[in-house]
Amino acid sequence: MSWEDAARRLEGRIVVLEPLAPAHEQGLRAAAADPEVWRWMISDASTDDGFAAWFDAALAGRRAGIEVPFAVLERASGEPLGSTRFLTLRPEHRGLEIGHTWIASRAWGSGANVEAKLLLLGHAFDRLGCIRVEFKTDALNERSRAALEALPARFEGIFQSHMLAQEGRRRDSAYYAVLDADWPDVKANLLRRLSAKS
């Protein structure tokens, strides 16, 4: 397993995932401007200051080697649609988390998020040799939980008062995981769902 190439360009039919770079800043700022995108996130990057803090933190995590952030680009136009990350990197245990994922509301239901998950999970299991990929989301975020259950990812429980969200609200986090044994079925399901978007 080689984790040195975790930050690599991943190409799909609908989206391309590129390692996050300063060149993505302006396009992502525009994509992030809808407050609805950030409703269940721990920060709000729909404002100028909020976006600057989010973007700086993402690049800082990359420089520190503790996260691998990606820009999600529309393949046809190259326009940024959102972002996602590998985090909680545990190469010694062959595991990581996919999170900090957001997609501009105009691309909801387009297949962009489905294909981004396919690309990230394929990279994690097929190239990095992971045996576990985990996800967490606000327990109140029904949209995100439905998307994880549609992978399907295994629901593993709720961590109560796990994080402080916007305005100091206590967030309960719902945890999900896909194991290497699950990956063939998850991959087949994602490919079926993407074929319906043709």
Protein backbone atom coordinates (compact mmCIF):
# COMPACT_ATOMS: atom_id res chain seq x y z
CA MET A 1 0.00 0.00 0.00
CA SER A 2 1.39 3.40 -1.01
CA TRP A 3 -0.21 6.44 0.61
CA GLU A 4 2.18 8.84 -1.11
CA ASP A 5 -0.19 9.09 -4.08
CA ALA A 6 -3.35 9.69 -2.00
CA ALA A 7 -3.49 13.23 -3.41
CA ARG A 8 -3.93 12.43 -7.09
CA ARG A 9 -6.32 13.56 -9.80
CA LEU A 10 -9.34 11.24 -10.08
CA GLU A 11 -11.36 11.37 -13.31
CA GLY A 12 -14.96 10.34 -13.83
CA ARG A 13 -17.58 10.94 -16.50
CA ILE A 14 -19.45 13.67 -14.60
CA VAL A 15 -16.78 15.04 -12.26
CA VAL A 16 -13.04 15.28 -11.83
CA LEU A 17 -11.47 15.43 -8.37
CA GLU A 18 -8.27 17.46 -8.23
CA PRO A 19 -6.04 17.92 -5.18
CA LEU A 20 -7.12 21.26 -3.72
CA ALA A 21 -4.88 24.14 -4.78
CA PRO A 22 -4.93 27.96 -4.64
CA ALA A 23 -6.11 28.01 -8.27
CA HIS A 24 -9.46 26.57 -7.16
CA GLU A 25 -10.19 29.36 -4.67
CA GLN A 26 -12.31 31.75 -6.74
CA GLY A 27 -14.44 29.07 -8.39
CA LEU A 28 -15.06 27.32 -5.10
CA ARG A 29 -15.93 30.61 -3.41
CA ALA A 30 -18.74 31.10 -5.95
CA ALA A 31 -19.94 27.49 -5.54
CA ALA A 32 -19.97 27.86 -1.74
CA ALA A 33 -22.10 31.02 -1.67
CA ASP A 34 -25.43 29.25 -0.96
CA PRO A 35 -26.00 29.10 2.83
CA GLU A 36 -28.21 26.00 2.40
CA VAL A 37 -25.10 23.99 1.45
CA TRP A 38 -23.65 24.67 4.92
CA ARG A 39 -26.76 24.13 7.01
CA TRP A 40 -25.47 20.93 8.67
CA MET A 41 -21.74 21.62 8.49
CA ILE A 42 -19.68 22.67 11.50
CA SER A 43 -18.71 25.90 9.72
CA ASP A 44 -20.40 28.24 7.23
CA ALA A 45 -18.27 29.02 4.19
CA SER A 46 -21.03 30.89 2.37
CA THR A 47 -19.63 34.22 3.60
CA ASP A 48 -16.34 35.80 2.53
CA ASP A 49 -14.72 35.37 5.96
CA GLY A 50 -16.18 31.89 6.42
CA PHE A 51 -14.93 30.75 3.04
CA ALA A 52 -11.44 32.16 3.66
CA ALA A 53 -11.25 30.30 6.98
CA TRP A 54 -12.53 27.05 5.39
CA PHE A 55 -10.12 27.27 2.43
CA ASP A 56 -7.09 28.14 4.58
CA ALA A 57 -7.86 25.27 6.97
CA ALA A 58 -8.18 22.80 4.09
CA LEU A 59 -4.81 23.81 2.62
CA ALA A 60 -3.21 23.79 6.08
CA GLY A 61 -4.44 20.22 6.62
CA ARG A 62 -2.89 19.21 3.32
CA ARG A 63 0.45 20.87 4.12
CA ALA A 64 0.50 19.16 7.53
CA GLY A 65 -0.13 15.79 5.89
CA ILE A 66 -3.20 15.09 8.02
CA GLU A 67 -5.86 15.57 5.31
CA VAL A 68 -6.14 15.20 1.54
CA PRO A 69 -8.63 17.81 0.28
CA PHE A 70 -10.00 17.73 -3.26
CA ALA A 71 -11.86 20.20 -5.45
CA VAL A 72 -14.84 18.58 -7.18
CA LEU A 73 -14.99 19.93 -10.74
CA GLU A 74 -17.67 19.49 -13.39
CA ARG A 75 -15.90 17.49 -16.07
CA ALA A 76 -17.59 19.15 -19.05
CA SER A 77 -16.82 22.74 -18.03
CA GLY A 78 -14.04 22.44 -15.46
CA GLU A 79 -16.16 24.59 -13.14
CA PRO A 80 -15.79 23.89 -9.40
CA LEU A 81 -18.88 22.29 -7.85
CA GLY A 82 -17.64 21.64 -4.33
CA SER A 83 -15.05 19.84 -2.26
CA THR A 84 -14.40 16.64 -0.32
CA ARG A 85 -11.50 15.18 1.69
CA PHE A 86 -9.73 12.14 2.95
CA LEU A 87 -9.17 12.70 6.66
CA THR A 88 -8.51 10.72 9.83
CA LEU A 89 -5.72 9.03 7.88
CA ARG A 90 -4.66 5.76 9.54
CA PRO A 91 -2.26 4.03 7.14
CA GLU A 92 -1.00 1.77 9.92
CA HIS A 93 -4.55 0.40 10.21
CA ARG A 94 -5.41 0.74 6.50
CA GLY A 95 -8.28 3.11 7.15
CA LEU A 96 -9.42 6.65 6.53
CA GLU A 97 -12.50 8.86 6.56
CA ILE A 98 -14.23 10.62 3.67
CA GLY A 99 -15.73 13.88 4.85
CA HIS A 100 -16.01 17.66 4.71
CA THR A 101 -18.00 16.97 1.54
CA TRP A 102 -20.16 19.67 0.02
CA ILE A 103 -21.61 20.16 -3.45
CA ALA A 104 -23.25 23.32 -4.81
CA SER A 105 -27.02 22.99 -4.59
CA ARG A 106 -27.38 23.38 -8.36
CA ALA A 107 -25.57 20.03 -8.75
CA TRP A 108 -27.68 18.12 -6.19
CA GLY A 109 -29.24 15.09 -7.86
CA SER A 110 -26.94 15.38 -10.89
CA GLY A 111 -24.84 12.33 -10.03
CA ALA A 112 -21.85 14.52 -9.06
CA ASN A 113 -21.85 13.35 -5.44
CA VAL A 114 -22.47 9.72 -6.41
CA GLU A 115 -19.53 9.72 -8.81
CA ALA A 116 -17.29 11.57 -6.35
CA LYS A 117 -17.96 8.82 -3.78
CA LEU A 118 -17.25 6.15 -6.42
CA LEU A 119 -13.91 7.77 -7.29
CA LEU A 120 -12.87 8.26 -3.66
CA LEU A 121 -13.89 4.78 -2.53
CA GLY A 122 -12.19 3.21 -5.56
CA HIS A 123 -9.01 5.12 -4.80
CA ALA A 124 -9.14 4.13 -1.12
CA PHE A 125 -9.82 0.43 -1.62
CA ASP A 126 -8.19 -0.34 -4.98
CA ARG A 127 -5.08 1.87 -4.83
CA LEU A 128 -4.45 2.63 -1.16
CA GLY A 129 -5.41 -0.84 0.09
CA CYS A 130 -7.87 0.33 2.73
CA ILE A 131 -9.88 -2.21 4.70
CA ARG A 132 -12.22 0.43 6.17
CA VAL A 133 -13.54 3.80 5.00
CA GLU A 134 -15.71 5.70 7.44
CA PHE A 135 -18.09 8.64 7.25
CA LYS A 136 -19.74 10.82 9.86
CA THR A 137 -22.53 13.36 9.52
CA ASP A 138 -24.81 15.41 11.71
CA ALA A 139 -27.41 12.99 13.04
CA LEU A 140 -30.10 15.52 12.03
CA ASN A 141 -28.89 15.72 8.42
CA GLU A 142 -31.44 13.48 6.73
CA ARG A 143 -30.14 14.23 3.21
CA SER A 144 -26.59 13.15 4.04
CA ARG A 145 -27.71 10.10 5.99
CA ALA A 146 -29.94 8.98 3.11
CA ALA A 147 -27.01 9.37 0.71
CA LEU A 148 -24.77 7.23 2.93
CA GLU A 149 -27.45 4.57 3.35
CA ALA A 150 -27.89 4.53 -0.43
CA LEU A 151 -24.23 3.60 -0.98
CA PRO A 152 -24.99 1.43 1.07
CA ALA A 153 -22.72 2.17 4.04
CA ARG A 154 -23.14 0.38 7.38
CA PHE A 155 -24.71 2.50 10.11
CA GLU A 156 -22.56 2.09 13.22
CA GLY A 157 -24.24 4.34 15.75
CA ILE A 158 -24.44 7.88 17.05
CA PHE A 159 -21.80 9.73 19.05
CA GLN A 160 -23.76 12.11 21.27
CA SER A 161 -22.54 15.69 21.82
CA HIS A 162 -19.67 14.75 19.54
CA MET A 163 -18.90 18.18 18.10
CA LEU A 164 -19.80 21.83 18.40
CA ALA A 165 -21.50 23.02 15.23
CA GLN A 166 -22.34 26.54 14.08
CA GLU A 167 -23.32 28.97 16.83
CA GLY A 168 -22.15 26.49 19.47
CA ARG A 169 -24.92 23.95 18.87
CA ARG A 170 -24.06 20.49 20.19
CA ARG A 171 -23.92 18.06 17.31
CA ASP A 172 -24.63 14.35 17.56
CA SER A 173 -22.69 12.54 14.81
CA ALA A 174 -24.01 9.50 12.96
CA TYR A 175 -21.20 7.14 11.94
CA TYR A 176 -21.18 4.92 8.85
CA ALA A 177 -18.54 2.69 7.24
CA VAL A 178 -17.80 0.70 4.11
CA LEU A 179 -15.47 -2.27 4.58
CA ASP A 180 -13.28 -3.86 1.92
CA ALA A 181 -15.63 -6.86 1.87
CA ASP A 182 -18.53 -4.48 1.10
CA TRP A 183 -16.74 -2.62 -1.67
CA PRO A 184 -17.62 -4.86 -4.66
CA ASP A 185 -21.36 -4.56 -3.93
CA VAL A 186 -21.11 -0.84 -3.16
CA LYS A 187 -19.18 -0.27 -6.39
CA ALA A 188 -21.74 -2.18 -8.44
CA ASN A 189 -24.56 -0.18 -6.85
CA LEU A 190 -22.87 3.15 -7.54
CA LEU A 191 -22.21 2.18 -11.15
CA ARG A 192 -25.89 1.22 -11.56
CA ARG A 193 -26.98 4.56 -10.15
CA LEU A 194 -24.61 6.44 -12.43
CA SER A 195 -25.81 4.56 -15.50
CA ALA A 196 -29.28 5.94 -14.77
CA LYS A 197 -27.83 9.47 -15.11
CA SER A 198 -26.74 8.83 -18.72
